[in-house]
Amino acid sequence: MTTFDRHIMRRLLQGFLFLIGALIIFFIVLHYVESIDDFMDRGATMRDVFLVYYVNYIPEIVRLTSPLALFLSCVYLTGKLAQQLQLAALQTSGVSLYRILLPYAFVAIGVTGFMFWFNGYVVPRTNQVVLDFEMKYLKDAPRQLDLNDIHRQNRPGSIVAVGYYDRVTQRAYRVSLEHFEEGKRLVSRIDAHEMAWIDSLGVWRLSEPILRTFTPDGREIRRRLARLDTTLMLRPRDFARTERDVASMTIPVASDYVEHLRRSGAGNMGRTLVEYYSKFSYPFANLILILIGVPLAAVRRRGGQAVRMGLGLLTAFSYLAVQKLVEPFGYAGDLDPVLAAWLPHVVFF
């Protein structure tokens, strides 16, 4: 590695970190101005807002803005080298553009690898704090996906039906637990007006349940209890999914969660799957935008840096816009979730 390579890598990282810091401040100020009324109306203290909410919100901002920050740093640095004829001098001496791209690629690969780990294991933990805070203090909290008429498969041959689920109190109402023999004949059924999650015991408690057993000859045996504690394969989060559940899960936990939802027969999984696959695809935006940025800024143009930065911003926002335009098709099920997560990266690559 030459002195020039180290110089490029150092300058690129310095610009990247500076832009990340600037974007963090910009996002926090903008969000605070937009949300200050909600904070005040719902009694959030300044300490909680800035030392709990925004401190934990910073990793999410870093995740979202890292491709843009790295791309703009690349365009600015490369454009400055081109304007000062340093790139032209290197190419005249026989150094190809691909060789010049090498230190950029090292930085891009390093940032991509770091962001994959950061996005998969650090951001979810802080996002959980952010999600809890938003549910308590913000009107625009993540929307709950399932409210009424929820059906889940507890295990093969066992179905849980819930009329309404309250995420805050972790209580389900108008509950029915049905067990089928060989997937066809109804063997037993438990009906209860209310079912509450008992966290200390890890069980669901049914209030005044009616136990009904159906014999092969068609008879029905009924039994009423004051209460019944039962263990299910389902947990509170399985009944109260929100738009951002996966965002608050590490990759291994999210993988288990998605698999569990599939087994339980949950519907409306488009958003969940797109968010899950985006954990793998989004970090690659750092690498792809660098590969776009160097050739874009290496050519001298009239207007100098202003034109380069303008083209850079247009390219970056086009890239991110395509991503946001494709995602709703994945949410609605009109596009395969894997394709919705990866398509923008494949197109621009």
Foldseek 3Di string as FASTA:
>chain_A
DDPLLVVVLVQLVVQLVVVLVVQLVVVLVVVCVVFVVLCVVLPPDPCCVVVQQSVLCSLVSCLVCSQVSSLLSLLLVLLVCLVVCVVVVCVVVPDDLVNVLVSVLVNLVVQLVVSLCSQQPPSLQSVVSNLVVCVRRPPPHFDWPAAAFFWWAQAVQKIKTFGGADLVQQKTAFIKIWGADVNPHTAKMKTAGMWHQDVVVQWIKGAFIWIWGADPVGDIDIDTDRMDTDHTSDDSCLRTPTLCPLSNHHLVVLVVVVVRNVRTVGPLCLSSLLVNLLSVASSCSNNLSSVVNNVLSNDDDPPGSVVSSVVSVVVVVVLVVQLVVLSVCSSVVVDPSNCSNHVSVVVSD
